[in-house]
Amino acid sequence: MDINRPGFFISFEGIDGAGKSTHLEAFAKHLGQCYPNHEVVITREPGGTPLGEKLRQLLLQEPMHIETEALLMFAARREHLAQVIEPALQAGKIVISDRFTDASFAYQGGGRGLSLDTLNTLETLVQGRGAELIQPDLTLLFDLPGETAEQRRSKARTPDKFERLDLHFFENVRNEYLRRAKADPGRFMVIDARQSQELIWKQLSEIQLNY
């Protein structure tokens, strides 16, 4: 936990079909029981604010240039930080976000092929606070091979523009997620999403926050 903010910031990450959203609300309820003096805030990206939700519809449905896509993602994130995440953390709340910046590196970088230098620049612009970056205290990465995730997605709701992309795209997304997890092992907890929901929940329920 950053001593300059009394709250705790958690992100859920993983390729579409990995099952992260299945556990998010139950995990939030669990944390609320474990830390009854701290409100738990659930949010998501893209989205989380009225403006962010409007941008979400564009981002998930409309074709656009890759740089436009990245800029809109970070524009929604800037609003999300200003309106939801930073005020909640300053108030001592636990924030759980369904995706954050790791998703931009994975999807726009690994999947779409946008320069990681460009994404680093946007990350610093939007999340930089002096010499520090606003990042989650804990990132739960639900890792799943692309082929397995594809099979799961085929049974789900009507796909958005990302979910319609091919296996090669999702393998690249997965690889970038794993690269970031390897580069920052103190922040990431990688969960094997091939496991049963019961085994995954056991791992989640044993998490203790440094809070």
N, C-alpha and C. Protein backbone atom coordinates (compact mmCIF):
# COMPACT_ATOMS: atom_id res chain seq x y z
N MET A 1 0.84 -1.20 0.00
CA MET A 1 0.00 0.00 0.00
C MET A 1 0.87 1.25 0.00
N ASP A 2 0.53 2.20 -0.81
CA ASP A 2 1.23 3.48 -0.84
C ASP A 2 0.87 4.26 0.42
N ILE A 3 1.89 4.67 1.18
CA ILE A 3 1.61 5.38 2.43
C ILE A 3 0.96 6.73 2.19
N ASN A 4 1.02 7.25 0.96
CA ASN A 4 0.42 8.55 0.66
C ASN A 4 -1.07 8.44 0.37
N ARG A 5 -1.60 7.21 0.31
CA ARG A 5 -3.03 7.03 0.12
C ARG A 5 -3.49 5.92 1.07
N PRO A 6 -4.45 6.19 1.90
CA PRO A 6 -4.86 5.22 2.91
C PRO A 6 -5.66 4.04 2.37
N GLY A 7 -6.12 4.10 1.13
CA GLY A 7 -6.89 3.01 0.55
C GLY A 7 -6.02 1.92 -0.05
N PHE A 8 -6.67 0.93 -0.66
CA PHE A 8 -5.97 -0.19 -1.29
C PHE A 8 -6.60 -0.43 -2.64
N PHE A 9 -5.75 -0.56 -3.68
CA PHE A 9 -6.19 -0.61 -5.08
C PHE A 9 -5.87 -1.99 -5.65
N ILE A 10 -6.91 -2.68 -6.14
CA ILE A 10 -6.78 -4.02 -6.72
C ILE A 10 -7.34 -4.00 -8.14
N SER A 11 -6.64 -4.64 -9.06
CA SER A 11 -7.19 -4.79 -10.42
C SER A 11 -7.31 -6.27 -10.76
N PHE A 12 -8.35 -6.60 -11.53
CA PHE A 12 -8.56 -7.93 -12.09
C PHE A 12 -8.20 -7.86 -13.57
N GLU A 13 -7.32 -8.75 -14.02
CA GLU A 13 -6.90 -8.75 -15.42
C GLU A 13 -6.97 -10.15 -16.02
N GLY A 14 -6.95 -10.21 -17.35
CA GLY A 14 -6.94 -11.48 -18.05
C GLY A 14 -7.60 -11.33 -19.40
N ILE A 15 -7.30 -12.25 -20.31
CA ILE A 15 -7.90 -12.18 -21.64
C ILE A 15 -9.38 -12.50 -21.53
N ASP A 16 -10.15 -12.07 -22.53
CA ASP A 16 -11.58 -12.34 -22.55
C ASP A 16 -11.80 -13.85 -22.54
N GLY A 17 -12.65 -14.29 -21.61
CA GLY A 17 -12.91 -15.72 -21.48
C GLY A 17 -12.16 -16.37 -20.34
N ALA A 18 -11.27 -15.61 -19.68
CA ALA A 18 -10.48 -16.19 -18.59
C ALA A 18 -11.28 -16.38 -17.31
N GLY A 19 -12.43 -15.72 -17.19
CA GLY A 19 -13.31 -15.94 -16.05
C GLY A 19 -13.11 -15.00 -14.88
N LYS A 20 -12.35 -13.91 -15.07
CA LYS A 20 -12.08 -13.02 -13.95
C LYS A 20 -13.35 -12.39 -13.38
N SER A 21 -14.27 -11.99 -14.26
CA SER A 21 -15.48 -11.30 -13.80
C SER A 21 -16.39 -12.21 -12.98
N THR A 22 -16.26 -13.51 -13.17
CA THR A 22 -17.06 -14.48 -12.42
C THR A 22 -16.82 -14.36 -10.93
N HIS A 23 -15.59 -14.00 -10.56
CA HIS A 23 -15.20 -13.99 -9.14
C HIS A 23 -15.17 -12.60 -8.52
N LEU A 24 -15.32 -11.56 -9.33
CA LEU A 24 -15.04 -10.22 -8.82
C LEU A 24 -16.00 -9.80 -7.71
N GLU A 25 -17.29 -9.96 -7.92
CA GLU A 25 -18.25 -9.50 -6.90
C GLU A 25 -18.14 -10.32 -5.62
N ALA A 26 -17.93 -11.64 -5.76
CA ALA A 26 -17.78 -12.47 -4.57
C ALA A 26 -16.53 -12.08 -3.79
N PHE A 27 -15.47 -11.75 -4.51
CA PHE A 27 -14.23 -11.32 -3.85
C PHE A 27 -14.44 -9.99 -3.13
N ALA A 28 -15.17 -9.08 -3.76
CA ALA A 28 -15.46 -7.79 -3.13
C ALA A 28 -16.27 -7.99 -1.85
N LYS A 29 -17.24 -8.87 -1.89
CA LYS A 29 -18.05 -9.16 -0.70
C LYS A 29 -17.18 -9.76 0.39
N HIS A 30 -16.29 -10.66 0.00
CA HIS A 30 -15.38 -11.29 0.96
C HIS A 30 -14.49 -10.25 1.64
N LEU A 31 -13.93 -9.32 0.84
CA LEU A 31 -13.08 -8.28 1.43
C LEU A 31 -13.89 -7.37 2.35
N GLY A 32 -15.15 -7.11 1.99
CA GLY A 32 -15.99 -6.30 2.86
C GLY A 32 -16.20 -6.94 4.23
N GLN A 33 -16.24 -8.27 4.24
CA GLN A 33 -16.39 -8.99 5.51
C GLN A 33 -15.07 -9.02 6.29
N CYS A 34 -13.96 -9.13 5.56
CA CYS A 34 -12.65 -9.17 6.21
C CYS A 34 -12.21 -7.81 6.73
N TYR A 35 -12.62 -6.75 6.04
CA TYR A 35 -12.21 -5.39 6.41
C TYR A 35 -13.46 -4.53 6.55
N PRO A 36 -14.26 -4.78 7.59
CA PRO A 36 -15.57 -4.12 7.72
C PRO A 36 -15.50 -2.61 7.91
N ASN A 37 -14.35 -2.10 8.27
CA ASN A 37 -14.23 -0.65 8.47
C ASN A 37 -13.87 0.10 7.19
N HIS A 38 -13.78 -0.64 6.08
CA HIS A 38 -13.37 -0.01 4.82
C HIS A 38 -14.38 -0.36 3.73
N GLU A 39 -14.95 0.65 3.14
CA GLU A 39 -15.90 0.42 2.04
C GLU A 39 -15.17 -0.16 0.82
N VAL A 40 -15.83 -1.08 0.13
CA VAL A 40 -15.28 -1.67 -1.09
C VAL A 40 -15.99 -1.07 -2.29
N VAL A 41 -15.23 -0.54 -3.22
CA VAL A 41 -15.77 0.09 -4.43
C VAL A 41 -15.42 -0.80 -5.62
N ILE A 42 -16.44 -1.21 -6.38
CA ILE A 42 -16.23 -1.99 -7.60
C ILE A 42 -16.39 -1.07 -8.80
N THR A 43 -15.45 -1.13 -9.72
CA THR A 43 -15.53 -0.31 -10.91
C THR A 43 -14.94 -1.07 -12.09
N ARG A 44 -14.87 -0.45 -13.26
CA ARG A 44 -14.37 -1.17 -14.43
C ARG A 44 -13.78 -0.22 -15.46
N GLU A 45 -12.97 -0.82 -16.35
CA GLU A 45 -12.41 -0.08 -17.47
C GLU A 45 -12.56 -0.89 -18.76
N PRO A 46 -12.78 -0.21 -19.90
CA PRO A 46 -13.14 1.21 -19.93
C PRO A 46 -14.50 1.41 -19.28
N GLY A 47 -14.68 2.55 -18.67
CA GLY A 47 -15.94 2.85 -17.99
C GLY A 47 -15.68 3.46 -16.64
N GLY A 48 -16.57 3.18 -15.69
CA GLY A 48 -16.39 3.64 -14.33
C GLY A 48 -16.96 5.01 -14.02
N THR A 49 -17.19 5.82 -15.04
CA THR A 49 -17.79 7.14 -14.90
C THR A 49 -18.81 7.31 -16.02
N PRO A 50 -19.71 8.28 -15.93
CA PRO A 50 -20.66 8.49 -17.04
C PRO A 50 -19.95 8.71 -18.38
N LEU A 51 -18.89 9.53 -18.39
CA LEU A 51 -18.15 9.74 -19.63
C LEU A 51 -17.46 8.46 -20.06
N GLY A 52 -16.85 7.77 -19.10
CA GLY A 52 -16.14 6.54 -19.41
C GLY A 52 -17.05 5.47 -19.99
N GLU A 53 -18.29 5.41 -19.52
CA GLU A 53 -19.22 4.41 -20.05
C GLU A 53 -19.62 4.74 -21.49
N LYS A 54 -19.72 6.02 -21.81
CA LYS A 54 -19.99 6.41 -23.20
C LYS A 54 -18.82 6.04 -24.10
N LEU A 55 -17.61 6.31 -23.60
CA LEU A 55 -16.42 5.94 -24.37
C LEU A 55 -16.31 4.42 -24.49
N ARG A 56 -16.76 3.70 -23.49
CA ARG A 56 -16.71 2.23 -23.54
C ARG A 56 -17.50 1.70 -24.73
N GLN A 57 -18.67 2.26 -24.94
CA GLN A 57 -19.50 1.80 -26.07
C GLN A 57 -18.78 2.01 -27.40
N LEU A 58 -18.12 3.14 -27.53
CA LEU A 58 -17.36 3.41 -28.75
C LEU A 58 -16.19 2.44 -28.89
N LEU A 59 -15.46 2.28 -27.80
CA LEU A 59 -14.25 1.46 -27.84
C LEU A 59 -14.53 0.00 -28.11
N LEU A 60 -15.63 -0.51 -27.60
CA LEU A 60 -15.92 -1.93 -27.75
C LEU A 60 -16.68 -2.27 -29.03
N GLN A 61 -17.20 -1.24 -29.70
CA GLN A 61 -18.03 -1.53 -30.86
C GLN A 61 -17.55 -0.90 -32.17
N GLU A 62 -16.94 0.28 -32.09
CA GLU A 62 -16.63 1.03 -33.30
C GLU A 62 -15.20 0.75 -33.79
N PRO A 63 -15.02 0.52 -35.08
CA PRO A 63 -13.66 0.41 -35.62
C PRO A 63 -12.97 1.77 -35.59
N MET A 64 -11.67 1.77 -35.32
CA MET A 64 -10.93 3.03 -35.25
C MET A 64 -9.44 2.74 -35.36
N HIS A 65 -8.68 3.79 -35.65
CA HIS A 65 -7.22 3.68 -35.72
C HIS A 65 -6.69 3.26 -34.36
N ILE A 66 -5.63 2.47 -34.34
CA ILE A 66 -5.10 1.96 -33.09
C ILE A 66 -4.68 3.07 -32.14
N GLU A 67 -4.10 4.16 -32.66
CA GLU A 67 -3.71 5.25 -31.77
C GLU A 67 -4.93 5.96 -31.20
N THR A 68 -5.99 6.08 -32.01
CA THR A 68 -7.24 6.65 -31.50
C THR A 68 -7.77 5.79 -30.38
N GLU A 69 -7.73 4.49 -30.59
CA GLU A 69 -8.20 3.55 -29.57
C GLU A 69 -7.44 3.72 -28.26
N ALA A 70 -6.12 3.79 -28.34
CA ALA A 70 -5.31 3.94 -27.14
C ALA A 70 -5.57 5.28 -26.45
N LEU A 71 -5.68 6.34 -27.24
CA LEU A 71 -5.93 7.66 -26.66
C LEU A 71 -7.27 7.70 -25.95
N LEU A 72 -8.29 7.09 -26.52
CA LEU A 72 -9.60 7.06 -25.87
C LEU A 72 -9.57 6.21 -24.60
N MET A 73 -8.83 5.11 -24.64
CA MET A 73 -8.69 4.28 -23.44
C MET A 73 -8.08 5.10 -22.30
N PHE A 74 -7.02 5.84 -22.60
CA PHE A 74 -6.36 6.61 -21.55
C PHE A 74 -7.17 7.85 -21.17
N ALA A 75 -7.95 8.40 -22.09
CA ALA A 75 -8.83 9.51 -21.74
C ALA A 75 -9.89 9.04 -20.75
N ALA A 76 -10.47 7.87 -21.00
CA ALA A 76 -11.44 7.31 -20.06
C ALA A 76 -10.78 7.03 -18.72
N ARG A 77 -9.54 6.57 -18.76
CA ARG A 77 -8.80 6.26 -17.52
C ARG A 77 -8.52 7.53 -16.71
N ARG A 78 -8.18 8.60 -17.40
CA ARG A 78 -7.91 9.85 -16.68
C ARG A 78 -9.14 10.30 -15.90
N GLU A 79 -10.30 10.23 -16.55
CA GLU A 79 -11.55 10.59 -15.89
C GLU A 79 -11.86 9.63 -14.74
N HIS A 80 -11.60 8.37 -14.98
CA HIS A 80 -11.83 7.33 -13.97
C HIS A 80 -10.99 7.58 -12.72
N LEU A 81 -9.72 7.91 -12.93
CA LEU A 81 -8.85 8.22 -11.81
C LEU A 81 -9.34 9.44 -11.04
N ALA A 82 -9.67 10.49 -11.78
CA ALA A 82 -10.05 11.76 -11.15
C ALA A 82 -11.38 11.67 -10.41
N GLN A 83 -12.33 10.96 -10.99
CA GLN A 83 -13.68 10.95 -10.44
C GLN A 83 -13.96 9.81 -9.46
N VAL A 84 -13.26 8.69 -9.62
CA VAL A 84 -13.59 7.50 -8.82
C VAL A 84 -12.40 6.99 -8.02
N ILE A 85 -11.33 6.61 -8.70
CA ILE A 85 -10.28 5.85 -8.04
C ILE A 85 -9.51 6.67 -7.00
N GLU A 86 -8.98 7.83 -7.40
CA GLU A 86 -8.18 8.61 -6.45
C GLU A 86 -8.99 9.10 -5.25
N PRO A 87 -10.22 9.63 -5.44
CA PRO A 87 -10.99 10.03 -4.26
C PRO A 87 -11.29 8.87 -3.31
N ALA A 88 -11.57 7.69 -3.89
CA ALA A 88 -11.87 6.53 -3.04
C ALA A 88 -10.64 6.10 -2.25
N LEU A 89 -9.47 6.09 -2.89
CA LEU A 89 -8.25 5.70 -2.20
C LEU A 89 -7.90 6.70 -1.11
N GLN A 90 -8.07 7.98 -1.39
CA GLN A 90 -7.79 8.99 -0.37
C GLN A 90 -8.73 8.88 0.82
N ALA A 91 -9.94 8.34 0.57
CA ALA A 91 -10.92 8.16 1.65
C ALA A 91 -10.72 6.83 2.39
N GLY A 92 -9.68 6.08 2.03
CA GLY A 92 -9.39 4.83 2.72
C GLY A 92 -10.19 3.64 2.25
N LYS A 93 -10.80 3.73 1.08
CA LYS A 93 -11.62 2.64 0.58
C LYS A 93 -10.77 1.61 -0.18
N ILE A 94 -11.33 0.42 -0.33
CA ILE A 94 -10.72 -0.61 -1.16
C ILE A 94 -11.35 -0.52 -2.54
N VAL A 95 -10.54 -0.29 -3.56
CA VAL A 95 -11.04 -0.16 -4.93
C VAL A 95 -10.67 -1.42 -5.71
N ILE A 96 -11.67 -2.04 -6.33
CA ILE A 96 -11.44 -3.20 -7.19
C ILE A 96 -11.89 -2.81 -8.59
N SER A 97 -10.96 -2.79 -9.53
CA SER A 97 -11.28 -2.42 -10.90
C SER A 97 -11.15 -3.62 -11.83
N ASP A 98 -12.20 -3.86 -12.59
CA ASP A 98 -12.18 -4.89 -13.63
C ASP A 98 -11.41 -4.29 -14.81
N ARG A 99 -10.12 -4.53 -14.84
CA ARG A 99 -9.12 -4.02 -15.78
C ARG A 99 -8.62 -2.63 -15.37
N PHE A 100 -7.34 -2.42 -15.70
CA PHE A 100 -6.70 -1.11 -15.56
C PHE A 100 -5.63 -1.03 -16.63
N THR A 101 -4.53 -0.37 -16.37
CA THR A 101 -3.57 -0.07 -17.43
C THR A 101 -2.90 -1.30 -18.02
N ASP A 102 -2.74 -2.36 -17.25
CA ASP A 102 -2.15 -3.57 -17.82
C ASP A 102 -2.93 -4.04 -19.05
N ALA A 103 -4.23 -3.82 -19.04
CA ALA A 103 -5.05 -4.21 -20.19
C ALA A 103 -4.69 -3.41 -21.44
N SER A 104 -4.34 -2.15 -21.28
CA SER A 104 -3.94 -1.34 -22.44
C SER A 104 -2.65 -1.87 -23.04
N PHE A 105 -1.70 -2.23 -22.18
CA PHE A 105 -0.45 -2.79 -22.70
C PHE A 105 -0.70 -4.14 -23.36
N ALA A 106 -1.60 -4.93 -22.78
CA ALA A 106 -1.88 -6.26 -23.32
C ALA A 106 -2.66 -6.18 -24.64
N TYR A 107 -3.73 -5.40 -24.66
CA TYR A 107 -4.61 -5.36 -25.83
C TYR A 107 -4.11 -4.43 -26.92
N GLN A 108 -3.83 -3.18 -26.56
CA GLN A 108 -3.37 -2.25 -27.60
C GLN A 108 -1.90 -2.50 -27.95
N GLY A 109 -1.10 -2.91 -26.97
CA GLY A 109 0.30 -3.19 -27.22
C GLY A 109 0.53 -4.59 -27.76
N GLY A 110 0.33 -5.60 -26.91
CA GLY A 110 0.56 -6.97 -27.34
C GLY A 110 -0.34 -7.41 -28.47
N GLY A 111 -1.64 -7.12 -28.36
CA GLY A 111 -2.59 -7.58 -29.37
C GLY A 111 -2.58 -6.76 -30.65
N ARG A 112 -2.70 -5.45 -30.51
CA ARG A 112 -2.78 -4.57 -31.68
C ARG A 112 -1.41 -4.21 -32.26
N GLY A 113 -0.38 -4.29 -31.43
CA GLY A 113 0.96 -3.98 -31.93
C GLY A 113 1.37 -2.54 -31.78
N LEU A 114 0.64 -1.77 -30.96
CA LEU A 114 1.04 -0.39 -30.72
C LEU A 114 2.35 -0.37 -29.92
N SER A 115 3.21 0.57 -30.25
CA SER A 115 4.51 0.69 -29.59
C SER A 115 4.35 0.78 -28.07
N LEU A 116 5.13 -0.01 -27.36
CA LEU A 116 5.11 0.06 -25.91
C LEU A 116 5.65 1.39 -25.41
N ASP A 117 6.53 2.01 -26.18
CA ASP A 117 7.02 3.34 -25.82
C ASP A 117 5.88 4.34 -25.81
N THR A 118 4.99 4.25 -26.80
CA THR A 118 3.82 5.13 -26.85
C THR A 118 2.93 4.91 -25.63
N LEU A 119 2.70 3.65 -25.28
CA LEU A 119 1.88 3.34 -24.12
C LEU A 119 2.54 3.81 -22.83
N ASN A 120 3.86 3.68 -22.73
CA ASN A 120 4.56 4.19 -21.56
C ASN A 120 4.39 5.70 -21.42
N THR A 121 4.45 6.40 -22.54
CA THR A 121 4.26 7.85 -22.53
C THR A 121 2.86 8.22 -22.04
N LEU A 122 1.85 7.52 -22.55
CA LEU A 122 0.47 7.78 -22.13
C LEU A 122 0.27 7.44 -20.66
N GLU A 123 0.87 6.35 -20.23
CA GLU A 123 0.76 5.94 -18.83
C GLU A 123 1.34 7.01 -17.92
N THR A 124 2.51 7.53 -18.27
CA THR A 124 3.14 8.58 -17.46
C THR A 124 2.30 9.84 -17.44
N LEU A 125 1.75 10.21 -18.60
CA LEU A 125 0.93 11.42 -18.69
C LEU A 125 -0.32 11.31 -17.82
N VAL A 126 -0.99 10.18 -17.88
CA VAL A 126 -2.28 10.01 -17.20
C VAL A 126 -2.13 9.61 -15.75
N GLN A 127 -1.14 8.79 -15.44
CA GLN A 127 -1.03 8.22 -14.10
C GLN A 127 0.15 8.77 -13.29
N GLY A 128 0.94 9.61 -13.90
CA GLY A 128 2.10 10.13 -13.20
C GLY A 128 1.74 11.11 -12.10
N ARG A 129 2.30 10.90 -10.94
CA ARG A 129 2.14 11.83 -9.81
C ARG A 129 3.54 12.08 -9.26
N GLY A 130 4.19 13.11 -9.79
CA GLY A 130 5.58 13.34 -9.43
C GLY A 130 6.44 12.24 -10.05
N ALA A 131 7.25 11.62 -9.21
CA ALA A 131 8.13 10.55 -9.69
C ALA A 131 7.44 9.18 -9.68
N GLU A 132 6.20 9.14 -9.19
CA GLU A 132 5.49 7.87 -9.04
C GLU A 132 4.38 7.73 -10.08
N LEU A 133 3.98 6.47 -10.31
CA LEU A 133 2.81 6.17 -11.14
C LEU A 133 1.71 5.60 -10.26
N ILE A 134 0.50 6.02 -10.51
CA ILE A 134 -0.62 5.37 -9.82
C ILE A 134 -0.82 4.00 -10.45
N GLN A 135 -0.61 2.97 -9.66
CA GLN A 135 -0.77 1.59 -10.10
C GLN A 135 -1.52 0.83 -9.01
N PRO A 136 -2.15 -0.29 -9.37
CA PRO A 136 -2.76 -1.11 -8.32
C PRO A 136 -1.72 -1.59 -7.31
N ASP A 137 -2.16 -1.78 -6.08
CA ASP A 137 -1.31 -2.40 -5.07
C ASP A 137 -1.20 -3.90 -5.33
N LEU A 138 -2.26 -4.46 -5.92
CA LEU A 138 -2.32 -5.89 -6.22
C LEU A 138 -3.07 -6.08 -7.53
N THR A 139 -2.47 -6.85 -8.44
CA THR A 139 -3.13 -7.20 -9.69
C THR A 139 -3.30 -8.71 -9.76
N LEU A 140 -4.55 -9.15 -9.89
CA LEU A 140 -4.87 -10.57 -10.01
C LEU A 140 -5.01 -10.88 -11.49
N LEU A 141 -4.06 -11.63 -12.03
CA LEU A 141 -4.06 -11.97 -13.45
C LEU A 141 -4.59 -13.38 -13.63
N PHE A 142 -5.76 -13.50 -14.24
CA PHE A 142 -6.35 -14.79 -14.54
C PHE A 142 -5.78 -15.25 -15.88
N ASP A 143 -4.88 -16.20 -15.80
CA ASP A 143 -4.14 -16.62 -17.00
C ASP A 143 -4.78 -17.87 -17.60
N LEU A 144 -4.99 -17.81 -18.91
CA LEU A 144 -5.64 -18.92 -19.61
C LEU A 144 -5.11 -18.97 -21.04
N PRO A 145 -4.79 -20.15 -21.57
CA PRO A 145 -4.39 -20.23 -22.97
C PRO A 145 -5.48 -19.68 -23.89
N GLY A 146 -5.05 -19.08 -24.99
CA GLY A 146 -5.99 -18.45 -25.90
C GLY A 146 -7.04 -19.40 -26.44
N GLU A 147 -6.66 -20.63 -26.74
CA GLU A 147 -7.60 -21.58 -27.32
C GLU A 147 -8.71 -21.94 -26.33
N THR A 148 -8.35 -22.13 -25.07
CA THR A 148 -9.35 -22.43 -24.04
C THR A 148 -10.28 -21.25 -23.84
N ALA A 149 -9.72 -20.04 -23.81
CA ALA A 149 -10.54 -18.84 -23.66
C ALA A 149 -11.50 -18.69 -24.83
N GLU A 150 -11.03 -19.02 -26.03
CA GLU A 150 -11.87 -18.92 -27.22
C GLU A 150 -13.07 -19.85 -27.10
N GLN A 151 -12.87 -21.04 -26.61
CA GLN A 151 -13.97 -21.99 -26.42
C GLN A 151 -14.98 -21.46 -25.41
N ARG A 152 -14.49 -20.84 -24.36
CA ARG A 152 -15.40 -20.27 -23.35
C ARG A 152 -16.18 -19.09 -23.92
N ARG A 153 -15.50 -18.25 -24.69
CA ARG A 153 -16.18 -17.07 -25.25
C ARG A 153 -17.29 -17.46 -26.20
N SER A 154 -17.12 -18.57 -26.90
CA SER A 154 -18.13 -18.99 -27.88
C SER A 154 -19.45 -19.33 -27.23
N LYS A 155 -19.43 -19.57 -25.92
CA LYS A 155 -20.65 -19.93 -25.19
C LYS A 155 -21.24 -18.73 -24.46
N ALA A 156 -20.60 -17.60 -24.59
CA ALA A 156 -21.02 -16.42 -23.82
C ALA A 156 -21.93 -15.52 -24.65
N ARG A 157 -22.02 -14.27 -24.21
CA ARG A 157 -22.91 -13.28 -24.82
C ARG A 157 -22.44 -12.91 -26.22
N THR A 158 -23.21 -12.03 -26.88
CA THR A 158 -22.81 -11.52 -28.18
C THR A 158 -21.45 -10.83 -28.05
N PRO A 159 -20.46 -11.22 -28.84
CA PRO A 159 -19.10 -10.69 -28.65
C PRO A 159 -18.96 -9.24 -29.08
N ASP A 160 -18.07 -8.50 -28.39
CA ASP A 160 -17.72 -7.16 -28.83
C ASP A 160 -16.62 -7.26 -29.87
N LYS A 161 -16.08 -6.13 -30.33
CA LYS A 161 -15.12 -6.16 -31.43
C LYS A 161 -13.81 -6.86 -31.05
N PHE A 162 -13.44 -6.80 -29.78
CA PHE A 162 -12.22 -7.49 -29.35
C PHE A 162 -12.46 -9.00 -29.27
N GLU A 163 -13.60 -9.37 -28.72
CA GLU A 163 -13.90 -10.80 -28.56
C GLU A 163 -14.04 -11.53 -29.89
N ARG A 164 -14.25 -10.77 -30.95
CA ARG A 164 -14.37 -11.39 -32.28
C ARG A 164 -13.01 -11.62 -32.95
N LEU A 165 -11.94 -11.14 -32.32
CA LEU A 165 -10.62 -11.27 -32.94
C LEU A 165 -10.09 -12.70 -32.81
N ASP A 166 -9.04 -13.00 -33.59
CA ASP A 166 -8.62 -14.40 -33.73
C ASP A 166 -7.70 -14.86 -32.59
N LEU A 167 -7.38 -16.14 -32.63
CA LEU A 167 -6.57 -16.77 -31.59
C LEU A 167 -5.19 -16.13 -31.51
N HIS A 168 -4.60 -15.77 -32.63
CA HIS A 168 -3.27 -15.15 -32.65
C HIS A 168 -3.29 -13.86 -31.84
N PHE A 169 -4.33 -13.06 -32.00
CA PHE A 169 -4.46 -11.81 -31.25
C PHE A 169 -4.45 -12.10 -29.75
N PHE A 170 -5.25 -13.06 -29.32
CA PHE A 170 -5.37 -13.32 -27.89
C PHE A 170 -4.13 -13.97 -27.30
N GLU A 171 -3.42 -14.74 -28.09
CA GLU A 171 -2.15 -15.28 -27.59
C GLU A 171 -1.15 -14.15 -27.38
N ASN A 172 -1.15 -13.17 -28.27
CA ASN A 172 -0.26 -12.02 -28.09
C ASN A 172 -0.66 -11.19 -26.87
N VAL A 173 -1.97 -11.06 -26.65
CA VAL A 173 -2.46 -10.36 -25.45
C VAL A 173 -1.98 -11.09 -24.20
N ARG A 174 -2.17 -12.40 -24.20
CA ARG A 174 -1.75 -13.20 -23.04
C ARG A 174 -0.25 -13.06 -22.79
N ASN A 175 0.54 -13.13 -23.83
CA ASN A 175 1.99 -13.05 -23.67
C ASN A 175 2.42 -11.72 -23.07
N GLU A 176 1.75 -10.63 -23.47
CA GLU A 176 2.10 -9.33 -22.90
C GLU A 176 1.70 -9.24 -21.43
N TYR A 177 0.54 -9.81 -21.10
CA TYR A 177 0.17 -9.87 -19.68
C TYR A 177 1.24 -10.60 -18.87
N LEU A 178 1.67 -11.75 -19.38
CA LEU A 178 2.66 -12.55 -18.65
C LEU A 178 4.01 -11.84 -18.57
N ARG A 179 4.35 -11.10 -19.63
CA ARG A 179 5.60 -10.33 -19.60
C ARG A 179 5.55 -9.29 -18.50
N ARG A 180 4.42 -8.60 -18.38
CA ARG A 180 4.29 -7.57 -17.34
C ARG A 180 4.29 -8.19 -15.95
N ALA A 181 3.66 -9.36 -15.82
CA ALA A 181 3.65 -10.03 -14.52
C ALA A 181 5.05 -10.44 -14.11
N LYS A 182 5.84 -10.92 -15.06
CA LYS A 182 7.21 -11.32 -14.77
C LYS A 182 8.06 -10.11 -14.39
N ALA A 183 7.78 -8.96 -15.02
CA ALA A 183 8.56 -7.75 -14.76
C ALA A 183 8.19 -7.10 -13.42
N ASP A 184 7.02 -7.43 -12.86
CA ASP A 184 6.58 -6.80 -11.62
C ASP A 184 5.94 -7.84 -10.70
N PRO A 185 6.73 -8.83 -10.26
CA PRO A 185 6.17 -9.93 -9.47
C PRO A 185 5.64 -9.51 -8.11
N GLY A 186 6.10 -8.38 -7.60
CA GLY A 186 5.60 -7.92 -6.31
C GLY A 186 4.17 -7.44 -6.36
N ARG A 187 3.72 -7.03 -7.55
CA ARG A 187 2.34 -6.52 -7.69
C ARG A 187 1.39 -7.60 -8.20
N PHE A 188 1.87 -8.48 -9.06
CA PHE A 188 1.00 -9.46 -9.71
C PHE A 188 0.87 -10.74 -8.91
N MET A 189 -0.33 -11.29 -8.91
CA MET A 189 -0.59 -12.66 -8.50
C MET A 189 -1.22 -13.35 -9.70
N VAL A 190 -0.51 -14.33 -10.26
CA VAL A 190 -1.01 -15.03 -11.45
C VAL A 190 -1.81 -16.25 -11.02
N ILE A 191 -3.05 -16.32 -11.48
CA ILE A 191 -3.96 -17.40 -11.14
C ILE A 191 -4.18 -18.26 -12.37
N ASP A 192 -3.97 -19.55 -12.24
CA ASP A 192 -4.20 -20.48 -13.35
C ASP A 192 -5.71 -20.64 -13.53
N ALA A 193 -6.25 -20.00 -14.56
CA ALA A 193 -7.69 -19.99 -14.76
C ALA A 193 -8.22 -21.27 -15.38
N ARG A 194 -7.33 -22.25 -15.61
CA ARG A 194 -7.79 -23.57 -16.06
C ARG A 194 -8.36 -24.38 -14.90
N GLN A 195 -8.07 -23.96 -13.69
CA GLN A 195 -8.54 -24.66 -12.50
C GLN A 195 -10.06 -24.54 -12.35
N SER A 196 -10.62 -25.36 -11.49
CA SER A 196 -12.05 -25.26 -11.19
C SER A 196 -12.32 -23.95 -10.46
N GLN A 197 -13.57 -23.51 -10.50
CA GLN A 197 -13.94 -22.29 -9.80
C GLN A 197 -13.70 -22.43 -8.30
N GLU A 198 -13.86 -23.64 -7.78
CA GLU A 198 -13.66 -23.87 -6.35
C GLU A 198 -12.19 -23.65 -5.97
N LEU A 199 -11.27 -24.17 -6.79
CA LEU A 199 -9.85 -23.99 -6.49
C LEU A 199 -9.42 -22.53 -6.64
N ILE A 200 -9.97 -21.86 -7.66
CA ILE A 200 -9.66 -20.44 -7.83
C ILE A 200 -10.16 -19.64 -6.64
N TRP A 201 -11.40 -19.94 -6.21
CA TRP A 201 -11.94 -19.21 -5.08
C TRP A 201 -11.12 -19.44 -3.82
N LYS A 202 -10.61 -20.66 -3.64
CA LYS A 202 -9.77 -20.95 -2.47
C LYS A 202 -8.56 -20.02 -2.46
N GLN A 203 -7.93 -19.82 -3.63
CA GLN A 203 -6.78 -18.92 -3.71
C GLN A 203 -7.19 -17.49 -3.38
N LEU A 204 -8.32 -17.06 -3.93
CA LEU A 204 -8.77 -15.69 -3.69
C LEU A 204 -9.11 -15.46 -2.23
N SER A 205 -9.75 -16.42 -1.63
CA SER A 205 -10.20 -16.25 -0.24
C SER A 205 -9.04 -16.24 0.75
N GLU A 206 -7.88 -16.71 0.33
CA GLU A 206 -6.72 -16.73 1.22
C GLU A 206 -5.86 -15.47 1.11
N ILE A 207 -6.23 -14.57 0.21
CA ILE A 207 -5.47 -13.33 0.04
C ILE A 207 -5.65 -12.42 1.25
N GLN A 208 -4.55 -11.91 1.76
CA GLN A 208 -4.58 -10.95 2.84
C GLN A 208 -3.94 -9.65 2.38
N LEU A 209 -4.63 -8.57 2.56
CA LEU A 209 -4.12 -7.27 2.12
C LEU A 209 -3.17 -6.69 3.15
N ASN A 210 -2.14 -6.04 2.67
CA ASN A 210 -1.22 -5.31 3.54
C ASN A 210 -1.86 -3.97 3.84
N TYR A 211 -2.82 -3.98 4.76
CA TYR A 211 -3.78 -2.88 4.87
C TYR A 211 -4.03 -2.56 6.33
